[in-house]
N, C-alpha and C. Protein backbone atom coordinates (compact mmCIF):
# COMPACT_ATOMS: atom_id res chain seq x y z
N MET A 1 0.84 -1.19 0.00
CA MET A 1 0.00 0.00 0.00
C MET A 1 0.87 1.24 0.00
N PRO A 2 0.61 2.24 -0.85
CA PRO A 2 1.38 3.46 -0.81
C PRO A 2 1.29 4.13 0.55
N ALA A 3 2.33 4.88 0.91
CA ALA A 3 2.32 5.57 2.19
C ALA A 3 1.14 6.51 2.25
N GLY A 4 0.48 6.57 3.40
CA GLY A 4 -0.62 7.51 3.59
C GLY A 4 -1.98 6.88 3.60
N GLY A 5 -2.13 5.63 3.13
CA GLY A 5 -3.43 4.98 3.16
C GLY A 5 -3.84 4.68 4.58
N LYS A 6 -4.91 5.32 5.04
CA LYS A 6 -5.38 5.16 6.42
C LYS A 6 -6.88 4.99 6.43
N LEU A 7 -7.37 4.18 7.38
CA LEU A 7 -8.80 4.01 7.57
C LEU A 7 -9.19 4.71 8.87
N ILE A 8 -10.02 5.73 8.74
CA ILE A 8 -10.51 6.50 9.88
C ILE A 8 -12.02 6.25 10.00
N VAL A 9 -12.47 5.95 11.20
CA VAL A 9 -13.88 5.63 11.42
C VAL A 9 -14.50 6.59 12.43
N LEU A 10 -15.69 7.06 12.12
CA LEU A 10 -16.50 7.88 13.04
C LEU A 10 -17.65 7.02 13.53
N GLU A 11 -17.81 6.96 14.85
CA GLU A 11 -18.87 6.13 15.44
C GLU A 11 -19.69 6.93 16.45
N GLY A 12 -20.90 6.44 16.72
CA GLY A 12 -21.77 7.07 17.71
C GLY A 12 -23.21 6.72 17.43
N ILE A 13 -24.08 6.98 18.38
CA ILE A 13 -25.49 6.68 18.21
C ILE A 13 -26.10 7.59 17.15
N ASP A 14 -27.28 7.25 16.68
CA ASP A 14 -27.97 8.05 15.67
C ASP A 14 -28.24 9.45 16.22
N GLY A 15 -27.74 10.45 15.51
CA GLY A 15 -27.89 11.83 15.97
C GLY A 15 -26.64 12.37 16.64
N ALA A 16 -25.63 11.55 16.79
CA ALA A 16 -24.40 12.00 17.44
C ALA A 16 -23.56 12.91 16.55
N GLY A 17 -23.83 12.90 15.24
CA GLY A 17 -23.10 13.77 14.33
C GLY A 17 -22.02 13.08 13.53
N THR A 18 -22.06 11.75 13.45
CA THR A 18 -20.99 11.04 12.75
C THR A 18 -20.93 11.39 11.27
N THR A 19 -22.10 11.47 10.61
CA THR A 19 -22.11 11.78 9.19
C THR A 19 -21.60 13.19 8.93
N THR A 20 -22.08 14.14 9.70
CA THR A 20 -21.64 15.53 9.55
C THR A 20 -20.14 15.64 9.74
N GLN A 21 -19.62 15.04 10.80
CA GLN A 21 -18.19 15.17 11.09
C GLN A 21 -17.34 14.40 10.09
N ALA A 22 -17.82 13.27 9.62
CA ALA A 22 -17.06 12.52 8.61
C ALA A 22 -16.94 13.33 7.33
N LYS A 23 -18.02 13.96 6.90
CA LYS A 23 -17.98 14.76 5.67
C LYS A 23 -17.13 16.01 5.86
N ARG A 24 -17.20 16.63 7.03
CA ARG A 24 -16.36 17.80 7.28
C ARG A 24 -14.88 17.42 7.29
N LEU A 25 -14.59 16.27 7.84
CA LEU A 25 -13.21 15.81 7.87
C LEU A 25 -12.67 15.60 6.46
N VAL A 26 -13.46 14.97 5.61
CA VAL A 26 -13.03 14.73 4.23
C VAL A 26 -12.79 16.07 3.52
N GLU A 27 -13.68 17.02 3.73
CA GLU A 27 -13.50 18.34 3.12
C GLU A 27 -12.21 19.00 3.59
N ALA A 28 -11.92 18.91 4.89
CA ALA A 28 -10.71 19.53 5.44
C ALA A 28 -9.45 18.86 4.90
N LEU A 29 -9.49 17.54 4.80
CA LEU A 29 -8.33 16.82 4.28
C LEU A 29 -8.08 17.16 2.82
N ARG A 30 -9.15 17.23 2.04
CA ARG A 30 -9.01 17.58 0.62
C ARG A 30 -8.48 19.01 0.47
N ALA A 31 -8.95 19.91 1.33
CA ALA A 31 -8.48 21.29 1.27
C ALA A 31 -6.99 21.38 1.57
N ALA A 32 -6.50 20.42 2.37
CA ALA A 32 -5.07 20.38 2.71
C ALA A 32 -4.26 19.62 1.67
N GLY A 33 -4.93 19.16 0.59
CA GLY A 33 -4.22 18.50 -0.49
C GLY A 33 -4.11 17.00 -0.40
N ARG A 34 -4.86 16.39 0.54
CA ARG A 34 -4.79 14.94 0.68
C ARG A 34 -5.89 14.27 -0.13
N ASP A 35 -5.59 13.06 -0.56
CA ASP A 35 -6.60 12.22 -1.22
C ASP A 35 -7.47 11.64 -0.10
N ALA A 36 -8.71 12.10 -0.01
CA ALA A 36 -9.62 11.65 1.05
C ALA A 36 -10.89 11.11 0.44
N HIS A 37 -11.37 10.01 0.97
CA HIS A 37 -12.54 9.31 0.41
C HIS A 37 -13.57 9.11 1.51
N PHE A 38 -14.79 9.64 1.30
CA PHE A 38 -15.88 9.44 2.26
C PHE A 38 -16.67 8.19 1.90
N THR A 39 -17.03 7.42 2.92
CA THR A 39 -17.90 6.28 2.72
C THR A 39 -18.71 6.06 3.98
N CYS A 40 -19.64 5.12 3.93
CA CYS A 40 -20.51 4.92 5.10
C CYS A 40 -21.07 3.51 5.11
N GLU A 41 -21.61 3.15 6.27
CA GLU A 41 -22.30 1.87 6.42
C GLU A 41 -23.67 2.12 7.05
N PRO A 42 -24.71 1.41 6.57
CA PRO A 42 -24.69 0.47 5.47
C PRO A 42 -24.15 1.11 4.20
N SER A 43 -23.50 0.28 3.37
CA SER A 43 -22.86 0.79 2.17
C SER A 43 -23.87 0.99 1.04
N ASP A 44 -23.35 1.41 -0.10
CA ASP A 44 -24.21 1.55 -1.29
C ASP A 44 -24.26 0.27 -2.12
N GLY A 45 -23.63 -0.79 -1.61
CA GLY A 45 -23.64 -2.07 -2.32
C GLY A 45 -24.98 -2.78 -2.19
N PRO A 46 -25.12 -3.95 -2.79
CA PRO A 46 -26.41 -4.65 -2.81
C PRO A 46 -26.92 -5.03 -1.42
N VAL A 47 -26.03 -5.50 -0.56
CA VAL A 47 -26.47 -5.86 0.79
C VAL A 47 -26.77 -4.60 1.59
N GLY A 48 -25.96 -3.58 1.40
CA GLY A 48 -26.18 -2.31 2.10
C GLY A 48 -27.52 -1.69 1.74
N ARG A 49 -27.89 -1.77 0.47
CA ARG A 49 -29.19 -1.22 0.05
C ARG A 49 -30.34 -1.96 0.72
N LEU A 50 -30.21 -3.28 0.82
CA LEU A 50 -31.24 -4.07 1.52
C LEU A 50 -31.32 -3.66 2.99
N LEU A 51 -30.17 -3.46 3.62
CA LEU A 51 -30.16 -3.06 5.03
C LEU A 51 -30.86 -1.71 5.22
N ARG A 52 -30.61 -0.78 4.32
CA ARG A 52 -31.26 0.53 4.44
C ARG A 52 -32.78 0.40 4.34
N GLU A 53 -33.23 -0.48 3.49
CA GLU A 53 -34.67 -0.70 3.36
C GLU A 53 -35.24 -1.34 4.63
N LEU A 54 -34.49 -2.28 5.21
CA LEU A 54 -34.95 -2.91 6.45
C LEU A 54 -34.99 -1.89 7.59
N LEU A 55 -33.96 -1.05 7.68
CA LEU A 55 -33.91 -0.04 8.74
C LEU A 55 -35.05 0.96 8.61
N ALA A 56 -35.45 1.23 7.37
CA ALA A 56 -36.54 2.18 7.12
C ALA A 56 -37.91 1.55 7.26
N GLY A 57 -37.97 0.23 7.53
CA GLY A 57 -39.25 -0.44 7.71
C GLY A 57 -39.96 -0.78 6.43
N ARG A 58 -39.22 -0.90 5.31
CA ARG A 58 -39.86 -1.18 4.03
C ARG A 58 -40.10 -2.66 3.80
N HIS A 59 -39.62 -3.50 4.70
CA HIS A 59 -39.83 -4.94 4.60
C HIS A 59 -40.28 -5.44 5.97
N ALA A 60 -40.79 -6.64 6.00
CA ALA A 60 -41.14 -7.25 7.28
C ALA A 60 -39.89 -7.35 8.15
N PRO A 61 -40.03 -7.12 9.46
CA PRO A 61 -38.86 -7.17 10.33
C PRO A 61 -38.18 -8.54 10.28
N VAL A 62 -36.86 -8.52 10.46
CA VAL A 62 -36.09 -9.76 10.57
C VAL A 62 -35.45 -9.79 11.95
N ASP A 63 -35.04 -10.97 12.39
CA ASP A 63 -34.51 -11.07 13.75
C ASP A 63 -33.08 -10.53 13.82
N VAL A 64 -32.60 -10.38 15.06
CA VAL A 64 -31.30 -9.76 15.27
C VAL A 64 -30.15 -10.59 14.70
N THR A 65 -30.31 -11.90 14.69
CA THR A 65 -29.26 -12.75 14.12
C THR A 65 -29.12 -12.49 12.62
N THR A 66 -30.25 -12.38 11.94
CA THR A 66 -30.23 -12.09 10.51
C THR A 66 -29.62 -10.72 10.25
N MET A 67 -29.99 -9.72 11.06
CA MET A 67 -29.42 -8.38 10.89
C MET A 67 -27.91 -8.41 11.10
N SER A 68 -27.46 -9.15 12.09
CA SER A 68 -26.02 -9.24 12.36
C SER A 68 -25.29 -9.83 11.18
N LEU A 69 -25.85 -10.87 10.59
CA LEU A 69 -25.24 -11.51 9.42
C LEU A 69 -25.23 -10.57 8.22
N LEU A 70 -26.31 -9.84 8.03
CA LEU A 70 -26.39 -8.92 6.89
C LEU A 70 -25.37 -7.78 7.03
N PHE A 71 -25.25 -7.23 8.23
CA PHE A 71 -24.27 -6.16 8.44
C PHE A 71 -22.85 -6.67 8.21
N ALA A 72 -22.55 -7.88 8.67
CA ALA A 72 -21.21 -8.45 8.46
C ALA A 72 -20.96 -8.69 6.97
N ALA A 73 -21.99 -9.17 6.26
CA ALA A 73 -21.85 -9.40 4.82
C ALA A 73 -21.64 -8.09 4.08
N ASP A 74 -22.40 -7.08 4.45
CA ASP A 74 -22.23 -5.78 3.81
C ASP A 74 -20.83 -5.22 4.06
N ARG A 75 -20.33 -5.40 5.27
CA ARG A 75 -18.99 -4.88 5.60
C ARG A 75 -17.91 -5.59 4.78
N ALA A 76 -18.05 -6.89 4.60
CA ALA A 76 -17.08 -7.63 3.80
C ALA A 76 -17.10 -7.14 2.35
N ASP A 77 -18.30 -6.94 1.80
CA ASP A 77 -18.43 -6.44 0.43
C ASP A 77 -17.91 -5.01 0.33
N HIS A 78 -18.25 -4.19 1.28
CA HIS A 78 -17.82 -2.79 1.32
C HIS A 78 -16.30 -2.69 1.33
N LEU A 79 -15.68 -3.51 2.18
CA LEU A 79 -14.22 -3.51 2.29
C LEU A 79 -13.58 -3.89 0.97
N ASN A 80 -14.06 -4.95 0.36
CA ASN A 80 -13.46 -5.46 -0.87
C ASN A 80 -13.73 -4.55 -2.07
N ARG A 81 -14.95 -4.02 -2.13
CA ARG A 81 -15.38 -3.28 -3.31
C ARG A 81 -14.92 -1.83 -3.30
N GLU A 82 -14.87 -1.21 -2.13
CA GLU A 82 -14.64 0.24 -2.07
C GLU A 82 -13.48 0.64 -1.18
N VAL A 83 -13.41 0.10 0.03
CA VAL A 83 -12.44 0.60 1.00
C VAL A 83 -11.01 0.21 0.64
N GLU A 84 -10.78 -1.07 0.40
CA GLU A 84 -9.41 -1.52 0.10
C GLU A 84 -8.84 -0.87 -1.16
N PRO A 85 -9.61 -0.74 -2.26
CA PRO A 85 -9.06 -0.05 -3.43
C PRO A 85 -8.64 1.39 -3.14
N ALA A 86 -9.43 2.11 -2.33
CA ALA A 86 -9.07 3.48 -1.99
C ALA A 86 -7.82 3.52 -1.12
N LEU A 87 -7.72 2.62 -0.18
CA LEU A 87 -6.52 2.55 0.67
C LEU A 87 -5.30 2.19 -0.17
N ALA A 88 -5.47 1.33 -1.14
CA ALA A 88 -4.35 0.88 -1.96
C ALA A 88 -3.73 2.01 -2.77
N ARG A 89 -4.54 3.02 -3.09
CA ARG A 89 -3.97 4.14 -3.84
C ARG A 89 -3.39 5.21 -2.90
N GLY A 90 -3.50 4.94 -1.58
CA GLY A 90 -2.92 5.86 -0.60
C GLY A 90 -3.89 6.86 -0.02
N ALA A 91 -5.19 6.67 -0.23
CA ALA A 91 -6.18 7.62 0.27
C ALA A 91 -6.41 7.47 1.77
N VAL A 92 -6.88 8.55 2.37
CA VAL A 92 -7.42 8.49 3.72
C VAL A 92 -8.90 8.20 3.57
N VAL A 93 -9.31 7.02 3.98
CA VAL A 93 -10.71 6.62 3.88
C VAL A 93 -11.41 6.95 5.19
N VAL A 94 -12.46 7.74 5.11
CA VAL A 94 -13.23 8.14 6.29
C VAL A 94 -14.59 7.45 6.21
N SER A 95 -14.83 6.54 7.14
CA SER A 95 -16.08 5.78 7.12
C SER A 95 -16.99 6.18 8.26
N ASP A 96 -18.20 6.52 7.91
CA ASP A 96 -19.26 6.79 8.88
C ASP A 96 -19.80 5.43 9.31
N ARG A 97 -19.22 4.89 10.38
CA ARG A 97 -19.52 3.59 11.00
C ARG A 97 -18.65 2.46 10.43
N TRP A 98 -18.44 1.45 11.30
CA TRP A 98 -17.67 0.26 10.95
C TRP A 98 -18.15 -0.85 11.86
N TYR A 99 -17.32 -1.83 12.18
CA TYR A 99 -17.81 -2.97 12.96
C TYR A 99 -18.19 -2.61 14.38
N HIS A 100 -17.71 -1.47 14.89
CA HIS A 100 -18.09 -1.04 16.24
C HIS A 100 -19.60 -0.85 16.34
N SER A 101 -20.21 -0.41 15.22
CA SER A 101 -21.67 -0.25 15.22
C SER A 101 -22.38 -1.58 15.39
N SER A 102 -21.88 -2.62 14.72
CA SER A 102 -22.49 -3.94 14.90
C SER A 102 -22.36 -4.40 16.35
N LEU A 103 -21.19 -4.19 16.93
CA LEU A 103 -20.97 -4.60 18.32
C LEU A 103 -21.89 -3.84 19.28
N ALA A 104 -22.14 -2.57 18.99
CA ALA A 104 -22.98 -1.77 19.87
C ALA A 104 -24.46 -1.97 19.60
N TYR A 105 -24.86 -1.99 18.33
CA TYR A 105 -26.28 -2.08 17.98
C TYR A 105 -26.80 -3.51 18.08
N GLN A 106 -26.29 -4.40 17.23
CA GLN A 106 -26.76 -5.79 17.31
C GLN A 106 -26.31 -6.45 18.61
N GLY A 107 -25.19 -5.97 19.16
CA GLY A 107 -24.69 -6.52 20.41
C GLY A 107 -25.57 -6.21 21.61
N ALA A 108 -26.52 -5.29 21.42
CA ALA A 108 -27.46 -5.00 22.51
C ALA A 108 -28.43 -6.15 22.72
N ASP A 109 -28.64 -6.97 21.68
CA ASP A 109 -29.59 -8.08 21.76
C ASP A 109 -28.99 -9.43 21.39
N GLU A 110 -27.75 -9.45 21.01
CA GLU A 110 -27.11 -10.67 20.52
C GLU A 110 -25.78 -10.85 21.23
N ASP A 111 -25.23 -12.04 21.15
CA ASP A 111 -23.94 -12.35 21.75
C ASP A 111 -22.85 -11.52 21.07
N ARG A 112 -22.27 -10.59 21.82
CA ARG A 112 -21.29 -9.68 21.24
C ARG A 112 -20.04 -10.41 20.75
N GLU A 113 -19.66 -11.47 21.41
CA GLU A 113 -18.48 -12.23 20.99
C GLU A 113 -18.74 -12.89 19.64
N TRP A 114 -19.94 -13.38 19.42
CA TRP A 114 -20.29 -13.98 18.14
C TRP A 114 -20.22 -12.93 17.03
N ILE A 115 -20.69 -11.73 17.31
CA ILE A 115 -20.62 -10.65 16.32
C ILE A 115 -19.17 -10.29 16.04
N ARG A 116 -18.33 -10.31 17.05
CA ARG A 116 -16.91 -10.03 16.84
C ARG A 116 -16.30 -11.06 15.90
N VAL A 117 -16.65 -12.32 16.09
CA VAL A 117 -16.13 -13.38 15.22
C VAL A 117 -16.64 -13.19 13.79
N LEU A 118 -17.92 -12.82 13.63
CA LEU A 118 -18.48 -12.59 12.30
C LEU A 118 -17.69 -11.53 11.54
N ASN A 119 -17.18 -10.55 12.27
CA ASN A 119 -16.46 -9.44 11.66
C ASN A 119 -14.95 -9.60 11.77
N GLY A 120 -14.50 -10.82 12.00
CA GLY A 120 -13.08 -11.08 12.22
C GLY A 120 -12.19 -10.73 11.04
N ARG A 121 -12.75 -10.71 9.83
CA ARG A 121 -11.94 -10.39 8.65
C ARG A 121 -12.02 -8.92 8.26
N ALA A 122 -12.79 -8.15 9.00
CA ALA A 122 -12.89 -6.72 8.70
C ALA A 122 -11.59 -6.03 9.09
N ARG A 123 -11.15 -5.10 8.28
CA ARG A 123 -9.91 -4.39 8.54
C ARG A 123 -10.04 -3.55 9.82
N ARG A 124 -9.01 -3.57 10.63
CA ARG A 124 -8.98 -2.75 11.84
C ARG A 124 -8.67 -1.31 11.46
N PRO A 125 -9.45 -0.34 11.92
CA PRO A 125 -9.17 1.05 11.58
C PRO A 125 -7.83 1.53 12.16
N ASP A 126 -7.25 2.51 11.50
CA ASP A 126 -6.06 3.15 12.06
C ASP A 126 -6.45 4.07 13.22
N LEU A 127 -7.67 4.57 13.17
CA LEU A 127 -8.20 5.42 14.24
C LEU A 127 -9.71 5.36 14.20
N THR A 128 -10.31 5.16 15.35
CA THR A 128 -11.77 5.25 15.50
C THR A 128 -12.08 6.37 16.47
N ILE A 129 -12.98 7.24 16.08
CA ILE A 129 -13.40 8.36 16.94
C ILE A 129 -14.86 8.14 17.31
N LEU A 130 -15.11 7.98 18.60
CA LEU A 130 -16.46 7.78 19.11
C LEU A 130 -17.00 9.11 19.62
N LEU A 131 -18.10 9.56 19.03
CA LEU A 131 -18.77 10.77 19.50
C LEU A 131 -19.81 10.35 20.54
N ASP A 132 -19.49 10.60 21.78
CA ASP A 132 -20.34 10.16 22.90
C ASP A 132 -21.37 11.24 23.20
N LEU A 133 -22.64 10.88 23.12
CA LEU A 133 -23.71 11.85 23.30
C LEU A 133 -24.88 11.20 24.01
N ALA A 134 -25.52 11.95 24.90
CA ALA A 134 -26.69 11.44 25.61
C ALA A 134 -27.79 11.10 24.61
N PRO A 135 -28.42 9.94 24.74
CA PRO A 135 -29.47 9.55 23.79
C PRO A 135 -30.61 10.56 23.69
N GLU A 136 -30.93 11.24 24.80
CA GLU A 136 -32.01 12.22 24.78
C GLU A 136 -31.65 13.42 23.89
N VAL A 137 -30.39 13.83 23.94
CA VAL A 137 -29.93 14.94 23.10
C VAL A 137 -29.94 14.51 21.63
N ALA A 138 -29.46 13.28 21.37
CA ALA A 138 -29.45 12.77 20.00
C ALA A 138 -30.87 12.68 19.44
N ALA A 139 -31.82 12.25 20.28
CA ALA A 139 -33.21 12.14 19.83
C ALA A 139 -33.78 13.51 19.49
N ALA A 140 -33.44 14.52 20.30
CA ALA A 140 -33.91 15.88 20.03
C ALA A 140 -33.34 16.39 18.71
N ARG A 141 -32.09 16.06 18.43
CA ARG A 141 -31.49 16.46 17.15
C ARG A 141 -32.20 15.81 15.98
N ARG A 142 -32.49 14.51 16.10
CA ARG A 142 -33.17 13.82 15.01
C ARG A 142 -34.55 14.42 14.77
N ALA A 143 -35.23 14.76 15.84
CA ALA A 143 -36.56 15.36 15.72
C ALA A 143 -36.47 16.73 15.07
N ALA A 144 -35.47 17.53 15.45
CA ALA A 144 -35.29 18.86 14.87
C ALA A 144 -35.00 18.78 13.38
N ASP A 145 -34.28 17.73 12.99
CA ASP A 145 -33.96 17.52 11.57
C ASP A 145 -35.10 16.85 10.81
N ARG A 146 -36.17 16.47 11.53
CA ARG A 146 -37.33 15.80 10.95
C ARG A 146 -36.93 14.51 10.24
N ARG A 147 -36.00 13.81 10.86
CA ARG A 147 -35.58 12.54 10.28
C ARG A 147 -36.63 11.47 10.56
N PRO A 148 -36.98 10.66 9.58
CA PRO A 148 -37.95 9.58 9.83
C PRO A 148 -37.40 8.58 10.82
N GLU A 149 -38.26 8.06 11.66
CA GLU A 149 -37.81 7.10 12.67
C GLU A 149 -37.43 5.79 12.01
N GLU A 150 -36.30 5.24 12.44
CA GLU A 150 -35.82 3.98 11.91
C GLU A 150 -35.86 2.90 12.98
N LEU A 151 -35.42 1.72 12.60
CA LEU A 151 -35.57 0.52 13.41
C LEU A 151 -35.02 0.66 14.82
N TYR A 152 -33.85 1.30 14.96
CA TYR A 152 -33.17 1.33 16.26
C TYR A 152 -33.35 2.65 17.01
N ASP A 153 -34.30 3.49 16.59
CA ASP A 153 -34.38 4.85 17.13
C ASP A 153 -35.16 4.99 18.43
N ARG A 154 -35.82 3.96 18.90
CA ARG A 154 -36.54 4.08 20.17
C ARG A 154 -35.55 4.46 21.27
N ILE A 155 -35.98 5.33 22.17
CA ILE A 155 -35.06 5.88 23.17
C ILE A 155 -34.48 4.80 24.07
N GLU A 156 -35.28 3.78 24.39
CA GLU A 156 -34.77 2.70 25.24
C GLU A 156 -33.63 1.97 24.53
N MET A 157 -33.80 1.74 23.24
CA MET A 157 -32.77 1.07 22.45
C MET A 157 -31.53 1.95 22.35
N GLN A 158 -31.72 3.23 22.11
CA GLN A 158 -30.58 4.13 21.98
C GLN A 158 -29.78 4.23 23.29
N ARG A 159 -30.46 4.14 24.41
CA ARG A 159 -29.74 4.13 25.70
C ARG A 159 -28.87 2.88 25.81
N ARG A 160 -29.41 1.76 25.39
CA ARG A 160 -28.64 0.51 25.44
C ARG A 160 -27.46 0.56 24.48
N VAL A 161 -27.70 1.14 23.31
CA VAL A 161 -26.62 1.24 22.32
C VAL A 161 -25.52 2.18 22.80
N ALA A 162 -25.91 3.31 23.39
CA ALA A 162 -24.91 4.24 23.91
C ALA A 162 -24.03 3.57 24.95
N GLN A 163 -24.65 2.80 25.84
CA GLN A 163 -23.87 2.06 26.82
C GLN A 163 -23.02 1.00 26.14
N GLY A 164 -23.57 0.37 25.10
CA GLY A 164 -22.82 -0.62 24.36
C GLY A 164 -21.57 -0.04 23.72
N TYR A 165 -21.69 1.15 23.16
CA TYR A 165 -20.52 1.81 22.57
C TYR A 165 -19.43 2.03 23.62
N ARG A 166 -19.82 2.47 24.81
CA ARG A 166 -18.82 2.70 25.87
C ARG A 166 -18.14 1.40 26.26
N GLU A 167 -18.93 0.33 26.34
CA GLU A 167 -18.34 -0.97 26.68
C GLU A 167 -17.40 -1.46 25.58
N VAL A 168 -17.79 -1.28 24.32
CA VAL A 168 -16.96 -1.69 23.19
C VAL A 168 -15.65 -0.90 23.20
N ALA A 169 -15.74 0.40 23.44
CA ALA A 169 -14.53 1.23 23.46
C ALA A 169 -13.56 0.77 24.55
N ARG A 170 -14.10 0.43 25.71
CA ARG A 170 -13.23 -0.05 26.80
C ARG A 170 -12.62 -1.40 26.44
N ARG A 171 -13.42 -2.27 25.87
CA ARG A 171 -12.94 -3.62 25.58
C ARG A 171 -11.87 -3.63 24.50
N LEU A 172 -12.02 -2.77 23.51
CA LEU A 172 -11.09 -2.77 22.38
C LEU A 172 -9.89 -1.85 22.59
N ALA A 173 -9.86 -1.15 23.71
CA ALA A 173 -8.82 -0.15 23.94
C ALA A 173 -7.41 -0.72 23.88
N ASP A 174 -7.25 -1.98 24.24
CA ASP A 174 -5.92 -2.59 24.25
C ASP A 174 -5.49 -3.10 22.87
N SER A 175 -6.42 -3.20 21.93
CA SER A 175 -6.09 -3.80 20.64
C SER A 175 -6.17 -2.82 19.47
N GLU A 176 -6.79 -1.66 19.67
CA GLU A 176 -6.86 -0.66 18.60
C GLU A 176 -7.04 0.72 19.21
N ARG A 177 -6.81 1.72 18.39
CA ARG A 177 -6.89 3.09 18.90
C ARG A 177 -8.30 3.63 18.75
N ILE A 178 -8.91 3.93 19.89
CA ILE A 178 -10.24 4.53 19.91
C ILE A 178 -10.19 5.78 20.78
N GLU A 179 -10.57 6.90 20.21
CA GLU A 179 -10.62 8.16 20.94
C GLU A 179 -12.08 8.55 21.13
N VAL A 180 -12.42 8.96 22.35
CA VAL A 180 -13.79 9.34 22.67
C VAL A 180 -13.86 10.86 22.80
N LEU A 181 -14.78 11.47 22.05
CA LEU A 181 -15.00 12.91 22.13
C LEU A 181 -16.41 13.18 22.63
N ASP A 182 -16.57 14.30 23.32
CA ASP A 182 -17.87 14.73 23.82
C ASP A 182 -18.69 15.24 22.64
N GLY A 183 -19.71 14.50 22.27
CA GLY A 183 -20.53 14.86 21.13
C GLY A 183 -21.45 16.04 21.37
N ALA A 184 -21.50 16.55 22.62
CA ALA A 184 -22.34 17.71 22.93
C ALA A 184 -21.61 19.02 22.70
N GLN A 185 -20.32 18.96 22.38
CA GLN A 185 -19.57 20.18 22.10
C GLN A 185 -20.10 20.85 20.83
N PRO A 186 -19.79 22.16 20.64
CA PRO A 186 -20.18 22.81 19.39
C PRO A 186 -19.59 22.08 18.19
N MET A 187 -20.30 22.09 17.07
CA MET A 187 -19.89 21.35 15.89
C MET A 187 -18.48 21.71 15.44
N ASP A 188 -18.16 23.00 15.45
CA ASP A 188 -16.84 23.43 15.01
C ASP A 188 -15.74 22.92 15.93
N SER A 189 -16.01 22.86 17.22
CA SER A 189 -15.02 22.37 18.18
C SER A 189 -14.75 20.89 17.96
N ILE A 190 -15.82 20.13 17.70
CA ILE A 190 -15.65 18.70 17.43
C ILE A 190 -14.86 18.52 16.14
N ALA A 191 -15.20 19.28 15.10
CA ALA A 191 -14.50 19.15 13.82
C ALA A 191 -13.02 19.43 13.98
N ALA A 192 -12.67 20.43 14.77
CA ALA A 192 -11.26 20.75 14.98
C ALA A 192 -10.55 19.64 15.72
N ALA A 193 -11.22 19.08 16.73
CA ALA A 193 -10.61 17.99 17.50
C ALA A 193 -10.44 16.75 16.64
N VAL A 194 -11.42 16.45 15.82
CA VAL A 194 -11.33 15.30 14.92
C VAL A 194 -10.16 15.48 13.96
N LEU A 195 -10.04 16.65 13.39
CA LEU A 195 -8.96 16.90 12.42
C LEU A 195 -7.59 16.77 13.07
N ARG A 196 -7.46 17.27 14.31
CA ARG A 196 -6.17 17.14 15.00
C ARG A 196 -5.81 15.67 15.20
N LEU A 197 -6.77 14.87 15.61
CA LEU A 197 -6.52 13.45 15.84
C LEU A 197 -6.10 12.76 14.54
N VAL A 198 -6.80 13.09 13.46
CA VAL A 198 -6.53 12.44 12.18
C VAL A 198 -5.19 12.89 11.62
N GLU A 199 -4.88 14.15 11.74
CA GLU A 199 -3.58 14.64 11.26
C GLU A 199 -2.42 13.93 11.98
N GLY A 200 -2.61 13.72 13.28
CA GLY A 200 -1.58 13.00 14.02
C GLY A 200 -1.46 11.56 13.56
N THR A 201 -2.58 10.94 13.26
CA THR A 201 -2.56 9.55 12.78
C THR A 201 -1.93 9.46 11.40
N CYS A 202 -2.25 10.39 10.51
CA CYS A 202 -1.71 10.35 9.17
C CYS A 202 -0.21 10.67 9.14
N ALA A 203 0.25 11.41 10.14
CA ALA A 203 1.67 11.76 10.19
C ALA A 203 2.51 10.63 10.78
N ALA A 204 1.84 9.68 11.44
CA ALA A 204 2.58 8.60 12.12
C ALA A 204 3.18 7.62 11.12
């Protein structure tokens, strides 16, 4: 892989600002002259499109085991089809979510160790940034944005997922780099902190 290829992941509950910050990061990196590639999960691939439809309630609900398998399948396809080619050319790939989401979301109702094994072939990020935000604040943001409610948006579920993210961050701290930022900070402050972390990672 050419020097500079890095995988950066933004994680957090729905409404934490992961999409906004991931896109701002890509813009800042490009402005600085770096090859930066934005992507997200669920992906735009065939499995990812099915997942988006399931999350939006366009199909009959499926159980958590099926969702876990679909997310792992989408991640494998996403990695092979889009992420690895971008990394191979030396790009900084910024992904809005990665396997940490599966561990936090599906792991709220499923064996987290089994989900970890399902995602065992997924590439480990060079840096993961978790935007930690109270579920009540995230819910208010989603409502203000008039976002349609999705499968995991119930407040009880979001509380479990938020706790799941904290547990995942603690558990993985010894094996990969995960930085936790206060998602309640002003958007510009978070963007600046994210960029500093990524610049340090890309310089390493």
